[in-house]
Amino acid sequence: MKTIFQSLFVASALVFAASCTEQGKENADAAAAQTEAAAENAGDAAAAEARNAAAATDDALEGAGQKMEAAGNEAAAKTEAAADKAAAETKQAAAKTEAAAEEATGDAKAEINAARQ
C-alpha cells in the first residue's frame, strides 16, 4: 500500500510538474507576444517621430528660403533705388557743369570781344 501511495504521489508530482511547465510555456508565449507588440509600437512611434522631424525640417527650410528670397528682393530694390538716385545726382551735376561751362564760354567770348575793340 505504501508503494501505491508513493506511486500516486510521484504520478501527481509529475502531472503537477507537467502542468507547471505548460503554464510556464503559455506565460512565456504571452510575454513574447507582448514584447513583440511593444517593439512594433516603439517602431511605429519612432517612424512617426522621424516623419514629424522631416516635416518640421522641410517647413523650416521653406521658411528660410522665403526669408532669403524676401531679403534678396529687398536688397535688389534698395540697390536699384540707390542706382537711380546716383544717376539723378550725376545728371544734375552734369547739368550744373554744362551750365558753368556755357557761362565760362560766354564770359570768355565777352572778354575776347572787349579785347578786340
C-alpha atoms as a PDB file:
ATOM      1  CA  MET A   1       0.000   0.000   0.000  1.00  0.00           C
ATOM      2  CA  LYS A   2       2.837   2.290   0.802  1.00  0.00           C
ATOM      3  CA  THR A   3       4.234   1.701  -2.683  1.00  0.00           C
ATOM      4  CA  ILE A   4       0.876   2.557  -4.209  1.00  0.00           C
ATOM      5  CA  PHE A   5       0.763   5.853  -2.315  1.00  0.00           C
ATOM      6  CA  GLN A   6       4.323   6.577  -3.290  1.00  0.00           C
ATOM      7  CA  SER A   7       3.497   5.810  -6.920  1.00  0.00           C
ATOM      8  CA  LEU A   8       0.396   8.045  -6.744  1.00  0.00           C
ATOM      9  CA  PHE A   9       2.436  10.790  -5.138  1.00  0.00           C
ATOM     10  CA  VAL A  10       5.140  10.553  -7.822  1.00  0.00           C
ATOM     11  CA  ALA A  11       2.468  10.468 -10.537  1.00  0.00           C
ATOM     12  CA  SER A  12       0.783  13.526  -9.009  1.00  0.00           C
ATOM     13  CA  ALA A  13       4.104  15.322  -8.835  1.00  0.00           C
ATOM     14  CA  LEU A  14       4.799  14.507 -12.465  1.00  0.00           C
ATOM     15  CA  VAL A  15       1.343  15.728 -13.530  1.00  0.00           C
ATOM     16  CA  PHE A  16       1.807  18.908 -11.467  1.00  0.00           C
ATOM     17  CA  ALA A  17       5.271  19.486 -12.940  1.00  0.00           C
ATOM     18  CA  ALA A  18       3.937  18.969 -16.455  1.00  0.00           C
ATOM     19  CA  SER A  19       1.084  21.350 -15.765  1.00  0.00           C
ATOM     20  CA  CYS A  20       3.502  23.956 -14.369  1.00  0.00           C
ATOM     21  CA  THR A  21       5.699  23.567 -17.440  1.00  0.00           C
ATOM     22  CA  GLU A  22       2.693  24.075 -19.751  1.00  0.00           C
ATOM     23  CA  GLN A  23       1.617  27.161 -17.790  1.00  0.00           C
ATOM     24  CA  GLY A  24       5.178  28.493 -17.947  1.00  0.00           C
ATOM     25  CA  LYS A  25       5.222  27.960 -21.704  1.00  0.00           C
ATOM     26  CA  GLU A  26       1.919  29.783 -22.081  1.00  0.00           C
ATOM     27  CA  ASN A  27       3.202  32.644 -19.900  1.00  0.00           C
ATOM     28  CA  ALA A  28       6.409  32.814 -21.926  1.00  0.00           C
ATOM     29  CA  ASP A  29       4.417  32.870 -25.180  1.00  0.00           C
ATOM     30  CA  ALA A  30       2.196  35.638 -23.822  1.00  0.00           C
ATOM     31  CA  ALA A  31       5.240  37.622 -22.678  1.00  0.00           C
ATOM     32  CA  ALA A  32       6.869  37.167 -26.092  1.00  0.00           C
ATOM     33  CA  ALA A  33       3.718  38.409 -27.815  1.00  0.00           C
ATOM     34  CA  GLN A  34       3.586  41.448 -25.527  1.00  0.00           C
ATOM     35  CA  THR A  35       7.256  42.159 -26.172  1.00  0.00           C
ATOM     36  CA  GLU A  36       6.728  41.879 -29.905  1.00  0.00           C
ATOM     37  CA  ALA A  37       3.721  44.211 -29.755  1.00  0.00           C
ATOM     38  CA  ALA A  38       5.680  46.713 -27.646  1.00  0.00           C
ATOM     39  CA  ALA A  39       8.579  46.594 -30.120  1.00  0.00           C
ATOM     40  CA  GLU A  40       6.210  47.151 -33.027  1.00  0.00           C
ATOM     41  CA  ASN A  41       4.588  50.092 -31.224  1.00  0.00           C
ATOM     42  CA  ALA A  42       8.012  51.563 -30.459  1.00  0.00           C
ATOM     43  CA  GLY A  43       8.971  51.188 -34.119  1.00  0.00           C
ATOM     44  CA  ASP A  44       5.765  52.890 -35.227  1.00  0.00           C
ATOM     45  CA  ALA A  45       6.343  55.707 -32.736  1.00  0.00           C
ATOM     46  CA  ALA A  46       9.926  56.147 -33.950  1.00  0.00           C
ATOM     47  CA  ALA A  47       8.752  56.234 -37.566  1.00  0.00           C
ATOM     48  CA  ALA A  48       6.110  58.837 -36.693  1.00  0.00           C
ATOM     49  CA  GLU A  49       8.718  60.956 -34.913  1.00  0.00           C
ATOM     50  CA  ALA A  50      11.013  60.699 -37.917  1.00  0.00           C
ATOM     51  CA  ARG A  51       8.191  61.797 -40.244  1.00  0.00           C
ATOM     52  CA  ASN A  52       7.373  64.718 -37.936  1.00  0.00           C
ATOM     53  CA  ALA A  53      11.019  65.749 -37.778  1.00  0.00           C
ATOM     54  CA  ALA A  54      11.308  65.570 -41.566  1.00  0.00           C
ATOM     55  CA  ALA A  55       8.176  67.677 -41.988  1.00  0.00           C
ATOM     56  CA  ALA A  56       9.448  70.236 -39.472  1.00  0.00           C
ATOM     57  CA  THR A  57      12.785  70.377 -41.289  1.00  0.00           C
ATOM     58  CA  ASP A  58      11.042  70.877 -44.628  1.00  0.00           C
ATOM     59  CA  ASP A  59       8.921  73.669 -43.145  1.00  0.00           C
ATOM     60  CA  ALA A  60      11.980  75.340 -41.639  1.00  0.00           C
ATOM     61  CA  LEU A  61      13.882  75.121 -44.920  1.00  0.00           C
ATOM     62  CA  GLU A  62      10.968  76.554 -46.858  1.00  0.00           C
ATOM     63  CA  GLY A  63      10.593  79.389 -44.351  1.00  0.00           C
ATOM     64  CA  ALA A  64      14.306  80.127 -44.535  1.00  0.00           C
ATOM     65  CA  GLY A  65      14.134  80.088 -48.327  1.00  0.00           C
ATOM     66  CA  GLN A  66      11.234  82.530 -48.322  1.00  0.00           C
ATOM     67  CA  LYS A  67      13.072  84.848 -45.919  1.00  0.00           C
ATOM     68  CA  MET A  68      16.204  84.704 -48.066  1.00  0.00           C
ATOM     69  CA  GLU A  69      14.185  85.477 -51.188  1.00  0.00           C
ATOM     70  CA  ALA A  70      12.475  88.399 -49.452  1.00  0.00           C
ATOM     71  CA  ALA A  71      15.830  89.730 -48.238  1.00  0.00           C
ATOM     72  CA  GLY A  72      17.250  89.397 -51.753  1.00  0.00           C
ATOM     73  CA  ASN A  73      14.288  91.245 -53.243  1.00  0.00           C
ATOM     74  CA  GLU A  74      14.617  93.999 -50.638  1.00  0.00           C
ATOM     75  CA  ALA A  75      18.356  94.310 -51.290  1.00  0.00           C
ATOM     76  CA  ALA A  76      17.734  94.462 -55.036  1.00  0.00           C
ATOM     77  CA  ALA A  77      15.096  97.151 -54.577  1.00  0.00           C
ATOM     78  CA  LYS A  78      17.416  99.210 -52.349  1.00  0.00           C
ATOM     79  CA  THR A  79      20.286  98.801 -54.821  1.00  0.00           C
ATOM     80  CA  GLU A  80      18.066  99.887 -57.704  1.00  0.00           C
ATOM     81  CA  ALA A  81      16.830 102.900 -55.729  1.00  0.00           C
ATOM     82  CA  ALA A  82      20.409 103.863 -54.863  1.00  0.00           C
ATOM     83  CA  ALA A  83      21.448 103.489 -58.505  1.00  0.00           C
ATOM     84  CA  ASP A  84      18.524 105.660 -59.633  1.00  0.00           C
ATOM     85  CA  LYS A  85      19.449 108.300 -57.039  1.00  0.00           C
ATOM     86  CA  ALA A  86      23.100 108.235 -58.107  1.00  0.00           C
ATOM     87  CA  ALA A  87      22.085 108.561 -61.758  1.00  0.00           C
ATOM     88  CA  ALA A  88      19.843 111.530 -60.950  1.00  0.00           C
ATOM     89  CA  GLU A  89      22.603 113.215 -58.940  1.00  0.00           C
ATOM     90  CA  THR A  90      25.097 112.570 -61.742  1.00  0.00           C
ATOM     91  CA  LYS A  91      22.684 114.049 -64.300  1.00  0.00           C
ATOM     92  CA  GLN A  92      22.142 117.076 -62.074  1.00  0.00           C
ATOM     93  CA  ALA A  93      25.899 117.539 -61.607  1.00  0.00           C
ATOM     94  CA  ALA A  94      26.412 117.234 -65.371  1.00  0.00           C
ATOM     95  CA  ALA A  95      23.755 119.884 -65.981  1.00  0.00           C
ATOM     96  CA  LYS A  96      25.441 122.246 -63.482  1.00  0.00           C
ATOM     97  CA  THR A  97      28.821 121.602 -65.093  1.00  0.00           C
ATOM     98  CA  GLU A  98      27.360 122.283 -68.542  1.00  0.00           C
ATOM     99  CA  ALA A  99      25.735 125.481 -67.311  1.00  0.00           C
ATOM    100  CA  ALA A 100      29.008 126.613 -65.715  1.00  0.00           C
ATOM    101  CA  ALA A 101      30.893 125.770 -68.912  1.00  0.00           C
ATOM    102  CA  GLU A 102      28.414 127.753 -71.002  1.00  0.00           C
ATOM    103  CA  GLU A 103      28.704 130.692 -68.624  1.00  0.00           C
ATOM    104  CA  ALA A 104      32.504 130.490 -68.753  1.00  0.00           C
ATOM    105  CA  THR A 105      32.364 130.298 -72.544  1.00  0.00           C
ATOM    106  CA  GLY A 106      30.078 133.330 -72.662  1.00  0.00           C
ATOM    107  CA  ASP A 107      32.412 135.254 -70.337  1.00  0.00           C
ATOM    108  CA  ALA A 108      35.418 134.307 -72.442  1.00  0.00           C
ATOM    109  CA  LYS A 109      33.664 135.445 -75.637  1.00  0.00           C
ATOM    110  CA  ALA A 110      32.726 138.706 -73.985  1.00  0.00           C
ATOM    111  CA  GLU A 111      36.335 139.298 -72.918  1.00  0.00           C
ATOM    112  CA  ILE A 112      37.588 138.403 -76.383  1.00  0.00           C
ATOM    113  CA  ASN A 113      35.110 140.816 -77.964  1.00  0.00           C
ATOM    114  CA  ALA A 114      36.035 143.516 -75.473  1.00  0.00           C
ATOM    115  CA  ALA A 115      39.718 142.969 -76.188  1.00  0.00           C
ATOM    116  CA  ARG A 116      39.179 143.302 -79.933  1.00  0.00           C
ATOM    117  CA  GLN A 117      37.540 146.628 -79.663  1.00  0.00           C
END
